[in-house]
Amino acid sequence: MASAAASSSSSQRRYDVFLSFRGEDTRNNFTAHLYHALCQKGINTFIDDDKLERGQVISPALVAAIENSMFSIVVLSKNYASSRWCLQELVKIVECMKSKRQRVVPIFYNMDC
């Protein structure tokens, strides 16, 4: 269901990084390169599989991956905010930032600021 790099040395967190992104905007370019670069550095990174079934709410597997990550990298692209799925991920990420002290790194990709 999900891809991840080698197991993390942390016993409390399953992943070092959770990647949140709009698949159709960045999956096959920026986010793929970022994922591979993180993995090459030994950073245990969660990225959702493009075959992951979409629904009205994010899956329990994604919620667990967010909750069990030390960092979330949010790749904010042109269409990120138009995705209900992405916004639900972002809400969960912010909840974890507040309650679990998860760190969040935003990346603005190909956006006019």
PDB file of N, CA and C in Angstrom:
ATOM      1  N   MET A   1       0.826  -1.197   0.000  1.00  0.00           N
ATOM      2  CA  MET A   1       0.000   0.000   0.000  1.00  0.00           C
ATOM      3  C   MET A   1       0.861   1.248   0.000  1.00  0.00           C
ATOM      4  N   ALA A   2       1.974   1.218   0.700  1.00  0.00           N
ATOM      5  CA  ALA A   2       2.817   2.399   0.781  1.00  0.00           C
ATOM      6  C   ALA A   2       4.259   2.005   0.585  1.00  0.00           C
ATOM      7  N   SER A   3       5.050   2.968   0.135  1.00  0.00           N
ATOM      8  CA  SER A   3       6.474   2.762  -0.027  1.00  0.00           C
ATOM      9  C   SER A   3       7.194   3.484   1.088  1.00  0.00           C
ATOM     10  N   ALA A   4       8.276   2.906   1.543  1.00  0.00           N
ATOM     11  CA  ALA A   4       9.080   3.571   2.567  1.00  0.00           C
ATOM     12  C   ALA A   4      10.517   3.114   2.430  1.00  0.00           C
ATOM     13  N   ALA A   5      11.435   3.947   2.866  1.00  0.00           N
ATOM     14  CA  ALA A   5      12.848   3.602   2.848  1.00  0.00           C
ATOM     15  C   ALA A   5      13.127   2.609   3.969  1.00  0.00           C
ATOM     16  N   ALA A   6      14.374   2.283   4.178  1.00  0.00           N
ATOM     17  CA  ALA A   6      14.765   1.342   5.227  1.00  0.00           C
ATOM     18  C   ALA A   6      14.224   1.772   6.579  1.00  0.00           C
ATOM     19  N   SER A   7      14.068   0.814   7.465  1.00  0.00           N
ATOM     20  CA  SER A   7      13.432   1.109   8.749  1.00  0.00           C
ATOM     21  C   SER A   7      14.197   2.149   9.549  1.00  0.00           C
ATOM     22  N   SER A   8      13.456   2.912  10.304  1.00  0.00           N
ATOM     23  CA  SER A   8      14.003   3.997  11.116  1.00  0.00           C
ATOM     24  C   SER A   8      14.599   3.453  12.400  1.00  0.00           C
ATOM     25  N   SER A   9      15.580   4.176  12.931  1.00  0.00           N
ATOM     26  CA  SER A   9      16.179   3.767  14.195  1.00  0.00           C
ATOM     27  C   SER A   9      15.313   4.188  15.382  1.00  0.00           C
ATOM     28  N   SER A  10      14.357   5.058  15.147  1.00  0.00           N
ATOM     29  CA  SER A  10      13.488   5.533  16.221  1.00  0.00           C
ATOM     30  C   SER A  10      12.433   4.483  16.536  1.00  0.00           C
ATOM     31  N   SER A  11      12.284   4.147  17.831  1.00  0.00           N
ATOM     32  CA  SER A  11      11.301   3.142  18.210  1.00  0.00           C
ATOM     33  C   SER A  11       9.905   3.738  18.344  1.00  0.00           C
ATOM     34  N   GLN A  12       9.806   5.038  18.572  1.00  0.00           N
ATOM     35  CA  GLN A  12       8.505   5.660  18.749  1.00  0.00           C
ATOM     36  C   GLN A  12       7.870   6.070  17.425  1.00  0.00           C
ATOM     37  N   ARG A  13       8.657   6.439  16.484  1.00  0.00           N
ATOM     38  CA  ARG A  13       8.131   6.901  15.200  1.00  0.00           C
ATOM     39  C   ARG A  13       8.518   5.917  14.109  1.00  0.00           C
ATOM     40  N   ARG A  14       7.570   5.569  13.276  1.00  0.00           N
ATOM     41  CA  ARG A  14       7.846   4.621  12.201  1.00  0.00           C
ATOM     42  C   ARG A  14       8.572   5.290  11.044  1.00  0.00           C
ATOM     43  N   TYR A  15       8.252   6.560  10.790  1.00  0.00           N
ATOM     44  CA  TYR A  15       8.853   7.285   9.668  1.00  0.00           C
ATOM     45  C   TYR A  15       9.550   8.541  10.161  1.00  0.00           C
ATOM     46  N   ASP A  16      10.594   8.908   9.455  1.00  0.00           N
ATOM     47  CA  ASP A  16      11.225  10.201   9.707  1.00  0.00           C
ATOM     48  C   ASP A  16      10.389  11.302   9.064  1.00  0.00           C
ATOM     49  N   VAL A  17       9.912  11.040   7.838  1.00  0.00           N
ATOM     50  CA  VAL A  17       9.217  12.064   7.048  1.00  0.00           C
ATOM     51  C   VAL A  17       7.959  11.490   6.400  1.00  0.00           C
ATOM     52  N   PHE A  18       6.889  12.271   6.442  1.00  0.00           N
ATOM     53  CA  PHE A  18       5.665  11.994   5.686  1.00  0.00           C
ATOM     54  C   PHE A  18       5.586  13.040   4.585  1.00  0.00           C
ATOM     55  N   LEU A  19       5.421  12.614   3.334  1.00  0.00           N
ATOM     56  CA  LEU A  19       5.285  13.552   2.221  1.00  0.00           C
ATOM     57  C   LEU A  19       3.811  13.747   1.878  1.00  0.00           C
ATOM     58  N   SER A  20       3.362  14.998   1.918  1.00  0.00           N
ATOM     59  CA  SER A  20       1.997  15.351   1.522  1.00  0.00           C
ATOM     60  C   SER A  20       2.096  16.181   0.253  1.00  0.00           C
ATOM     61  N   PHE A  21       1.362  15.776  -0.784  1.00  0.00           N
ATOM     62  CA  PHE A  21       1.471  16.440  -2.083  1.00  0.00           C
ATOM     63  C   PHE A  21       0.257  16.117  -2.934  1.00  0.00           C
ATOM     64  N   ARG A  22       0.007  16.942  -3.934  1.00  0.00           N
ATOM     65  CA  ARG A  22      -1.052  16.670  -4.919  1.00  0.00           C
ATOM     66  C   ARG A  22      -0.436  15.829  -6.025  1.00  0.00           C
ATOM     67  N   GLY A  23      -0.841  14.583  -6.099  1.00  0.00           N
ATOM     68  CA  GLY A  23      -0.238  13.630  -7.023  1.00  0.00           C
ATOM     69  C   GLY A  23      -0.172  14.089  -8.460  1.00  0.00           C
ATOM     70  N   GLU A  24      -1.275  14.600  -8.963  1.00  0.00           N
ATOM     71  CA  GLU A  24      -1.287  14.990 -10.375  1.00  0.00           C
ATOM     72  C   GLU A  24      -0.378  16.178 -10.660  1.00  0.00           C
ATOM     73  N   ASP A  25      -0.037  16.953  -9.643  1.00  0.00           N
ATOM     74  CA  ASP A  25       0.851  18.107  -9.828  1.00  0.00           C
ATOM     75  C   ASP A  25       2.328  17.732  -9.747  1.00  0.00           C
ATOM     76  N   THR A  26       2.676  16.860  -8.786  1.00  0.00           N
ATOM     77  CA  THR A  26       4.105  16.689  -8.495  1.00  0.00           C
ATOM     78  C   THR A  26       4.599  15.255  -8.353  1.00  0.00           C
ATOM     79  N   ARG A  27       3.699  14.259  -8.398  1.00  0.00           N
ATOM     80  CA  ARG A  27       4.129  12.874  -8.121  1.00  0.00           C
ATOM     81  C   ARG A  27       5.273  12.424  -9.023  1.00  0.00           C
ATOM     82  N   ASN A  28       5.177  12.664 -10.305  1.00  0.00           N
ATOM     83  CA  ASN A  28       6.149  12.128 -11.258  1.00  0.00           C
ATOM     84  C   ASN A  28       7.299  13.070 -11.560  1.00  0.00           C
ATOM     85  N   ASN A  29       7.421  14.139 -10.806  1.00  0.00           N
ATOM     86  CA  ASN A  29       8.546  15.041 -11.015  1.00  0.00           C
ATOM     87  C   ASN A  29       9.148  15.426  -9.663  1.00  0.00           C
ATOM     88  N   PHE A  30       8.813  16.581  -9.140  1.00  0.00           N
ATOM     89  CA  PHE A  30       9.458  17.092  -7.935  1.00  0.00           C
ATOM     90  C   PHE A  30       9.382  16.131  -6.754  1.00  0.00           C
ATOM     91  N   THR A  31       8.191  15.643  -6.445  1.00  0.00           N
ATOM     92  CA  THR A  31       8.031  14.796  -5.259  1.00  0.00           C
ATOM     93  C   THR A  31       8.784  13.479  -5.411  1.00  0.00           C
ATOM     94  N   ALA A  32       8.787  12.907  -6.608  1.00  0.00           N
ATOM     95  CA  ALA A  32       9.547  11.669  -6.834  1.00  0.00           C
ATOM     96  C   ALA A  32      11.036  11.901  -6.604  1.00  0.00           C
ATOM     97  N   HIS A  33      11.552  13.015  -7.104  1.00  0.00           N
ATOM     98  CA  HIS A  33      12.973  13.338  -6.909  1.00  0.00           C
ATOM     99  C   HIS A  33      13.276  13.575  -5.426  1.00  0.00           C
ATOM    100  N   LEU A  34      12.394  14.295  -4.741  1.00  0.00           N
ATOM    101  CA  LEU A  34      12.571  14.562  -3.314  1.00  0.00           C
ATOM    102  C   LEU A  34      12.571  13.255  -2.525  1.00  0.00           C
ATOM    103  N   TYR A  35      11.618  12.392  -2.806  1.00  0.00           N
ATOM    104  CA  TYR A  35      11.522  11.105  -2.121  1.00  0.00           C
ATOM    105  C   TYR A  35      12.809  10.300  -2.285  1.00  0.00           C
ATOM    106  N   HIS A  36      13.284  10.192  -3.519  1.00  0.00           N
ATOM    107  CA  HIS A  36      14.495   9.407  -3.777  1.00  0.00           C
ATOM    108  C   HIS A  36      15.728  10.028  -3.121  1.00  0.00           C
ATOM    109  N   ALA A  37      15.817  11.350  -3.108  1.00  0.00           N
ATOM    110  CA  ALA A  37      16.946  12.026  -2.453  1.00  0.00           C
ATOM    111  C   ALA A  37      16.927  11.770  -0.946  1.00  0.00           C
ATOM    112  N   LEU A  38      15.748  11.841  -0.337  1.00  0.00           N
ATOM    113  CA  LEU A  38      15.637  11.570   1.101  1.00  0.00           C
ATOM    114  C   LEU A  38      16.036  10.127   1.410  1.00  0.00           C
ATOM    115  N   CYS A  39      15.546   9.202   0.606  1.00  0.00           N
ATOM    116  CA  CYS A  39      15.869   7.786   0.820  1.00  0.00           C
ATOM    117  C   CYS A  39      17.364   7.525   0.662  1.00  0.00           C
ATOM    118  N   GLN A  40      17.984   8.164  -0.318  1.00  0.00           N
ATOM    119  CA  GLN A  40      19.426   7.989  -0.526  1.00  0.00           C
ATOM    120  C   GLN A  40      20.233   8.463   0.676  1.00  0.00           C
ATOM    121  N   LYS A  41      19.699   9.414   1.415  1.00  0.00           N
ATOM    122  CA  LYS A  41      20.368   9.916   2.622  1.00  0.00           C
ATOM    123  C   LYS A  41      20.019   9.084   3.860  1.00  0.00           C
ATOM    124  N   GLY A  42      19.255   8.019   3.666  1.00  0.00           N
ATOM    125  CA  GLY A  42      18.888   7.154   4.781  1.00  0.00           C
ATOM    126  C   GLY A  42      17.726   7.672   5.606  1.00  0.00           C
ATOM    127  N   ILE A  43      16.957   8.586   5.049  1.00  0.00           N
ATOM    128  CA  ILE A  43      15.807   9.158   5.754  1.00  0.00           C
ATOM    129  C   ILE A  43      14.577   8.317   5.424  1.00  0.00           C
ATOM    130  N   ASN A  44      14.002   7.701   6.430  1.00  0.00           N
ATOM    131  CA  ASN A  44      12.853   6.811   6.266  1.00  0.00           C
ATOM    132  C   ASN A  44      11.620   7.650   5.930  1.00  0.00           C
ATOM    133  N   THR A  45      11.177   7.561   4.692  1.00  0.00           N
ATOM    134  CA  THR A  45      10.164   8.477   4.167  1.00  0.00           C
ATOM    135  C   THR A  45       8.928   7.732   3.691  1.00  0.00           C
ATOM    136  N   PHE A  46       7.757   8.217   4.104  1.00  0.00           N
ATOM    137  CA  PHE A  46       6.483   7.658   3.642  1.00  0.00           C
ATOM    138  C   PHE A  46       6.001   8.465   2.443  1.00  0.00           C
ATOM    139  N   ILE A  47       5.651   7.752   1.391  1.00  0.00           N
ATOM    140  CA  ILE A  47       4.998   8.370   0.232  1.00  0.00           C
ATOM    141  C   ILE A  47       3.845   7.453  -0.148  1.00  0.00           C
ATOM    142  N   ASP A  48       2.672   8.031  -0.385  1.00  0.00           N
ATOM    143  CA  ASP A  48       1.538   7.169  -0.713  1.00  0.00           C
ATOM    144  C   ASP A  48       1.710   6.598  -2.109  1.00  0.00           C
ATOM    145  N   ASP A  49       1.202   5.407  -2.277  1.00  0.00           N
ATOM    146  CA  ASP A  49       1.239   4.710  -3.550  1.00  0.00           C
ATOM    147  C   ASP A  49       0.175   5.318  -4.454  1.00  0.00           C
ATOM    148  N   ASP A  50       0.492   5.515  -5.727  1.00  0.00           N
ATOM    149  CA  ASP A  50      -0.503   6.106  -6.628  1.00  0.00           C
ATOM    150  C   ASP A  50      -1.683   5.174  -6.857  1.00  0.00           C
ATOM    151  N   LYS A  51      -1.579   3.936  -6.407  1.00  0.00           N
ATOM    152  CA  LYS A  51      -2.694   2.991  -6.519  1.00  0.00           C
ATOM    153  C   LYS A  51      -3.572   3.003  -5.270  1.00  0.00           C
ATOM    154  N   LEU A  52      -3.169   3.787  -4.275  1.00  0.00           N
ATOM    155  CA  LEU A  52      -3.938   3.883  -3.036  1.00  0.00           C
ATOM    156  C   LEU A  52      -5.346   4.365  -3.360  1.00  0.00           C
ATOM    157  N   GLU A  53      -6.326   3.627  -2.887  1.00  0.00           N
ATOM    158  CA  GLU A  53      -7.715   3.955  -3.203  1.00  0.00           C
ATOM    159  C   GLU A  53      -8.136   5.269  -2.563  1.00  0.00           C
ATOM    160  N   ARG A  54      -8.753   6.104  -3.363  1.00  0.00           N
ATOM    161  CA  ARG A  54      -9.213   7.408  -2.889  1.00  0.00           C
ATOM    162  C   ARG A  54     -10.657   7.292  -2.424  1.00  0.00           C
ATOM    163  N   GLY A  55     -10.997   8.072  -1.437  1.00  0.00           N
ATOM    164  CA  GLY A  55     -12.357   8.065  -0.931  1.00  0.00           C
ATOM    165  C   GLY A  55     -12.729   9.441  -0.432  1.00  0.00           C
ATOM    166  N   GLN A  56     -13.800   9.497   0.318  1.00  0.00           N
ATOM    167  CA  GLN A  56     -14.256  10.768   0.868  1.00  0.00           C
ATOM    168  C   GLN A  56     -13.366  11.230   2.015  1.00  0.00           C
ATOM    169  N   VAL A  57     -12.787  10.274   2.729  1.00  0.00           N
ATOM    170  CA  VAL A  57     -11.894  10.611   3.839  1.00  0.00           C
ATOM    171  C   VAL A  57     -10.570   9.882   3.633  1.00  0.00           C
ATOM    172  N   ILE A  58      -9.519  10.411   4.239  1.00  0.00           N
ATOM    173  CA  ILE A  58      -8.225   9.758   4.085  1.00  0.00           C
ATOM    174  C   ILE A  58      -8.238   8.420   4.813  1.00  0.00           C
ATOM    175  N   SER A  59      -7.482   7.491   4.290  1.00  0.00           N
ATOM    176  CA  SER A  59      -7.493   6.125   4.815  1.00  0.00           C
ATOM    177  C   SER A  59      -6.807   6.040   6.176  1.00  0.00           C
ATOM    178  N   PRO A  60      -7.162   5.025   6.950  1.00  0.00           N
ATOM    179  CA  PRO A  60      -6.498   4.811   8.237  1.00  0.00           C
ATOM    180  C   PRO A  60      -4.982   4.638   8.089  1.00  0.00           C
ATOM    181  N   ALA A  61      -4.544   4.061   6.968  1.00  0.00           N
ATOM    182  CA  ALA A  61      -3.102   3.880   6.744  1.00  0.00           C
ATOM    183  C   ALA A  61      -2.395   5.226   6.632  1.00  0.00           C
ATOM    184  N   LEU A  62      -3.028   6.188   5.957  1.00  0.00           N
ATOM    185  CA  LEU A  62      -2.425   7.520   5.843  1.00  0.00           C
ATOM    186  C   LEU A  62      -2.437   8.247   7.181  1.00  0.00           C
ATOM    187  N   VAL A  63      -3.518   8.131   7.917  1.00  0.00           N
ATOM    188  CA  VAL A  63      -3.592   8.758   9.243  1.00  0.00           C
ATOM    189  C   VAL A  63      -2.473   8.206  10.124  1.00  0.00           C
ATOM    190  N   ALA A  64      -2.301   6.889  10.113  1.00  0.00           N
ATOM    191  CA  ALA A  64      -1.250   6.263  10.926  1.00  0.00           C
ATOM    192  C   ALA A  64       0.136   6.720  10.485  1.00  0.00           C
ATOM    193  N   ALA A  65       0.349   6.833   9.178  1.00  0.00           N
ATOM    194  CA  ALA A  65       1.652   7.278   8.674  1.00  0.00           C
ATOM    195  C   ALA A  65       1.945   8.710   9.112  1.00  0.00           C
ATOM    196  N   ILE A  66       0.939   9.568   9.070  1.00  0.00           N
ATOM    197  CA  ILE A  66       1.119  10.953   9.525  1.00  0.00           C
ATOM    198  C   ILE A  66       1.446  10.967  11.019  1.00  0.00           C
ATOM    199  N   GLU A  67       0.657  10.243  11.801  1.00  0.00           N
ATOM    200  CA  GLU A  67       0.842  10.221  13.259  1.00  0.00           C
ATOM    201  C   GLU A  67       2.191   9.643  13.669  1.00  0.00           C
ATOM    202  N   ASN A  68       2.728   8.759  12.855  1.00  0.00           N
ATOM    203  CA  ASN A  68       3.973   8.075  13.194  1.00  0.00           C
ATOM    204  C   ASN A  68       5.177   8.615  12.442  1.00  0.00           C
ATOM    205  N   SER A  69       5.136   9.899  12.101  1.00  0.00           N
ATOM    206  CA  SER A  69       6.253  10.560  11.425  1.00  0.00           C
ATOM    207  C   SER A  69       6.789  11.691  12.292  1.00  0.00           C
ATOM    208  N   MET A  70       8.094  11.890  12.252  1.00  0.00           N
ATOM    209  CA  MET A  70       8.712  12.988  13.008  1.00  0.00           C
ATOM    210  C   MET A  70       8.508  14.326  12.308  1.00  0.00           C
ATOM    211  N   PHE A  71       8.536  14.301  10.976  1.00  0.00           N
ATOM    212  CA  PHE A  71       8.377  15.504  10.163  1.00  0.00           C
ATOM    213  C   PHE A  71       7.330  15.242   9.098  1.00  0.00           C
ATOM    214  N   SER A  72       6.665  16.298   8.666  1.00  0.00           N
ATOM    215  CA  SER A  72       5.848  16.248   7.457  1.00  0.00           C
ATOM    216  C   SER A  72       6.378  17.310   6.517  1.00  0.00           C
ATOM    217  N   ILE A  73       6.567  16.922   5.273  1.00  0.00           N
ATOM    218  CA  ILE A  73       6.908  17.881   4.230  1.00  0.00           C
ATOM    219  C   ILE A  73       5.662  18.031   3.377  1.00  0.00           C
ATOM    220  N   VAL A  74       5.151  19.257   3.311  1.00  0.00           N
ATOM    221  CA  VAL A  74       3.940  19.542   2.545  1.00  0.00           C
ATOM    222  C   VAL A  74       4.364  20.278   1.283  1.00  0.00           C
ATOM    223  N   VAL A  75       4.175  19.633   0.134  1.00  0.00           N
ATOM    224  CA  VAL A  75       4.520  20.233  -1.150  1.00  0.00           C
ATOM    225  C   VAL A  75       3.274  20.961  -1.649  1.00  0.00           C
ATOM    226  N   LEU A  76       3.265  22.264  -1.447  1.00  0.00           N
ATOM    227  CA  LEU A  76       2.114  23.085  -1.829  1.00  0.00           C
ATOM    228  C   LEU A  76       2.257  23.478  -3.292  1.00  0.00           C
ATOM    229  N   SER A  77       1.424  22.893  -4.122  1.00  0.00           N
ATOM    230  CA  SER A  77       1.440  23.162  -5.558  1.00  0.00           C
ATOM    231  C   SER A  77       0.158  23.892  -5.941  1.00  0.00           C
ATOM    232  N   LYS A  78       0.060  24.230  -7.191  1.00  0.00           N
ATOM    233  CA  LYS A  78      -1.066  25.036  -7.679  1.00  0.00           C
ATOM    234  C   LYS A  78      -2.427  24.440  -7.309  1.00  0.00           C
ATOM    235  N   ASN A  79      -2.561  23.130  -7.400  1.00  0.00           N
ATOM    236  CA  ASN A  79      -3.857  22.485  -7.167  1.00  0.00           C
ATOM    237  C   ASN A  79      -3.966  21.767  -5.825  1.00  0.00           C
ATOM    238  N   TYR A  80      -2.988  21.943  -4.949  1.00  0.00           N
ATOM    239  CA  TYR A  80      -3.000  21.247  -3.651  1.00  0.00           C
ATOM    240  C   TYR A  80      -4.285  21.555  -2.878  1.00  0.00           C
ATOM    241  N   ALA A  81      -4.608  22.818  -2.754  1.00  0.00           N
ATOM    242  CA  ALA A  81      -5.757  23.227  -1.938  1.00  0.00           C
ATOM    243  C   ALA A  81      -7.103  22.889  -2.573  1.00  0.00           C
ATOM    244  N   SER A  82      -7.107  22.502  -3.839  1.00  0.00           N
ATOM    245  CA  SER A  82      -8.375  22.132  -4.473  1.00  0.00           C
ATOM    246  C   SER A  82      -8.689  20.644  -4.275  1.00  0.00           C
ATOM    247  N   SER A  83      -7.813  19.942  -3.587  1.00  0.00           N
ATOM    248  CA  SER A  83      -8.019  18.521  -3.321  1.00  0.00           C
ATOM    249  C   SER A  83      -8.529  18.318  -1.899  1.00  0.00           C
ATOM    250  N   ARG A  84      -9.706  17.753  -1.771  1.00  0.00           N
ATOM    251  CA  ARG A  84     -10.264  17.448  -0.452  1.00  0.00           C
ATOM    252  C   ARG A  84      -9.319  16.511   0.309  1.00  0.00           C
ATOM    253  N   TRP A  85      -8.773  15.547  -0.407  1.00  0.00           N
ATOM    254  CA  TRP A  85      -7.854  14.575   0.178  1.00  0.00           C
ATOM    255  C   TRP A  85      -6.634  15.279   0.778  1.00  0.00           C
ATOM    256  N   CYS A  86      -6.017  16.183   0.004  1.00  0.00           N
ATOM    257  CA  CYS A  86      -4.835  16.919   0.489  1.00  0.00           C
ATOM    258  C   CYS A  86      -5.175  17.767   1.710  1.00  0.00           C
ATOM    259  N   LEU A  87      -6.323  18.411   1.678  1.00  0.00           N
ATOM    260  CA  LEU A  87      -6.709  19.257   2.807  1.00  0.00           C
ATOM    261  C   LEU A  87      -6.961  18.428   4.064  1.00  0.00           C
ATOM    262  N   GLN A  88      -7.511  17.232   3.901  1.00  0.00           N
ATOM    263  CA  GLN A  88      -7.708  16.354   5.061  1.00  0.00           C
ATOM    264  C   GLN A  88      -6.365  15.905   5.632  1.00  0.00           C
ATOM    265  N   GLU A  89      -5.417  15.613   4.744  1.00  0.00           N
ATOM    266  CA  GLU A  89      -4.064  15.284   5.205  1.00  0.00           C
ATOM    267  C   GLU A  89      -3.484  16.459   5.978  1.00  0.00           C
ATOM    268  N   LEU A  90      -3.642  17.655   5.430  1.00  0.00           N
ATOM    269  CA  LEU A  90      -3.079  18.850   6.057  1.00  0.00           C
ATOM    270  C   LEU A  90      -3.682  19.100   7.441  1.00  0.00           C
ATOM    271  N   VAL A  91      -4.981  18.887   7.578  1.00  0.00           N
ATOM    272  CA  VAL A  91      -5.630  19.036   8.885  1.00  0.00           C
ATOM    273  C   VAL A  91      -4.997  18.066   9.888  1.00  0.00           C
ATOM    274  N   LYS A  92      -4.810  16.820   9.481  1.00  0.00           N
ATOM    275  CA  LYS A  92      -4.202  15.826  10.376  1.00  0.00           C
ATOM    276  C   LYS A  92      -2.761  16.207  10.705  1.00  0.00           C
ATOM    277  N   ILE A  93      -2.028  16.706   9.725  1.00  0.00           N
ATOM    278  CA  ILE A  93      -0.643  17.136   9.946  1.00  0.00           C
ATOM    279  C   ILE A  93      -0.598  18.265  10.970  1.00  0.00           C
ATOM    280  N   VAL A  94      -1.493  19.234  10.839  1.00  0.00           N
ATOM    281  CA  VAL A  94      -1.530  20.358  11.789  1.00  0.00           C
ATOM    282  C   VAL A  94      -1.903  19.856  13.189  1.00  0.00           C
ATOM    283  N   GLU A  95      -2.838  18.921  13.276  1.00  0.00           N
ATOM    284  CA  GLU A  95      -3.185  18.334  14.577  1.00  0.00           C
ATOM    285  C   GLU A  95      -1.953  17.695  15.218  1.00  0.00           C
ATOM    286  N   CYS A  96      -1.190  16.963  14.428  1.00  0.00           N
ATOM    287  CA  CYS A  96       0.016  16.310  14.952  1.00  0.00           C
ATOM    288  C   CYS A  96       1.094  17.332  15.295  1.00  0.00           C
ATOM    289  N   MET A  97       1.138  18.407  14.560  1.00  0.00           N
ATOM    290  CA  MET A  97       2.094  19.470  14.857  1.00  0.00           C
ATOM    291  C   MET A  97       1.801  20.040  16.242  1.00  0.00           C
ATOM    292  N   LYS A  98       0.519  20.207  16.543  1.00  0.00           N
ATOM    293  CA  LYS A  98       0.119  20.785  17.828  1.00  0.00           C
ATOM    294  C   LYS A  98       0.213  19.780  18.976  1.00  0.00           C
ATOM    295  N   SER A  99      -0.263  18.567  18.756  1.00  0.00           N
ATOM    296  CA  SER A  99      -0.354  17.606  19.860  1.00  0.00           C
ATOM    297  C   SER A  99       0.875  16.720  20.022  1.00  0.00           C
ATOM    298  N   LYS A 100       1.545  16.409  18.938  1.00  0.00           N
ATOM    299  CA  LYS A 100       2.681  15.487  19.008  1.00  0.00           C
ATOM    300  C   LYS A 100       4.006  16.176  18.729  1.00  0.00           C
ATOM    301  N   ARG A 101       3.951  17.489  18.581  1.00  0.00           N
ATOM    302  CA  ARG A 101       5.150  18.272  18.315  1.00  0.00           C
ATOM    303  C   ARG A 101       5.858  17.835  17.037  1.00  0.00           C
ATOM    304  N   GLN A 102       5.066  17.416  16.063  1.00  0.00           N
ATOM    305  CA  GLN A 102       5.628  17.064  14.765  1.00  0.00           C
ATOM    306  C   GLN A 102       6.064  18.349  14.061  1.00  0.00           C
ATOM    307  N   ARG A 103       7.178  18.299  13.396  1.00  0.00           N
ATOM    308  CA  ARG A 103       7.654  19.472  12.657  1.00  0.00           C
ATOM    309  C   ARG A 103       7.135  19.408  11.232  1.00  0.00           C
ATOM    310  N   VAL A 104       6.780  20.583  10.707  1.00  0.00           N
ATOM    311  CA  VAL A 104       6.207  20.666   9.366  1.00  0.00           C
ATOM    312  C   VAL A 104       7.075  21.586   8.521  1.00  0.00           C
ATOM    313  N   VAL A 105       7.422  21.101   7.329  1.00  0.00           N
ATOM    314  CA  VAL A 105       8.226  21.877   6.393  1.00  0.00           C
ATOM    315  C   VAL A 105       7.390  22.106   5.138  1.00  0.00           C
ATOM    316  N   PRO A 106       6.987  23.349   4.876  1.00  0.00           N
ATOM    317  CA  PRO A 106       6.242  23.618   3.642  1.00  0.00           C
ATOM    318  C   PRO A 106       7.213  23.882   2.489  1.00  0.00           C
ATOM    319  N   ILE A 107       6.853  23.389   1.319  1.00  0.00           N
ATOM    320  CA  ILE A 107       7.598  23.684   0.098  1.00  0.00           C
ATOM    321  C   ILE A 107       6.590  24.222  -0.902  1.00  0.00           C
ATOM    322  N   PHE A 108       6.836  25.413  -1.396  1.00  0.00           N
ATOM    323  CA  PHE A 108       5.963  26.009  -2.400  1.00  0.00           C
ATOM    324  C   PHE A 108       6.524  25.650  -3.762  1.00  0.00           C
ATOM    325  N   TYR A 109       5.814  24.787  -4.493  1.00  0.00           N
ATOM    326  CA  TYR A 109       6.299  24.271  -5.765  1.00  0.00           C
ATOM    327  C   TYR A 109       5.546  24.898  -6.931  1.00  0.00           C
ATOM    328  N   ASN A 110       6.287  25.572  -7.788  1.00  0.00           N
ATOM    329  CA  ASN A 110       5.736  26.104  -9.038  1.00  0.00           C
ATOM    330  C   ASN A 110       4.499  26.966  -8.795  1.00  0.00           C
ATOM    331  N   MET A 111       4.606  27.853  -7.804  1.00  0.00           N
ATOM    332  CA  MET A 111       3.489  28.734  -7.460  1.00  0.00           C
ATOM    333  C   MET A 111       3.912  30.181  -7.628  1.00  0.00           C
ATOM    334  N   ASP A 112       2.975  31.006  -8.046  1.00  0.00           N
ATOM    335  CA  ASP A 112       3.211  32.445  -8.118  1.00  0.00           C
ATOM    336  C   ASP A 112       2.863  33.034  -6.761  1.00  0.00           C
ATOM    337  N   CYS A 113       3.836  33.631  -6.115  1.00  0.00           N
ATOM    338  CA  CYS A 113       3.593  34.200  -4.783  1.00  0.00           C
ATOM    339  C   CYS A 113       3.457  35.700  -4.858  1.00  0.00           C
TER     340      CYS A 113
END
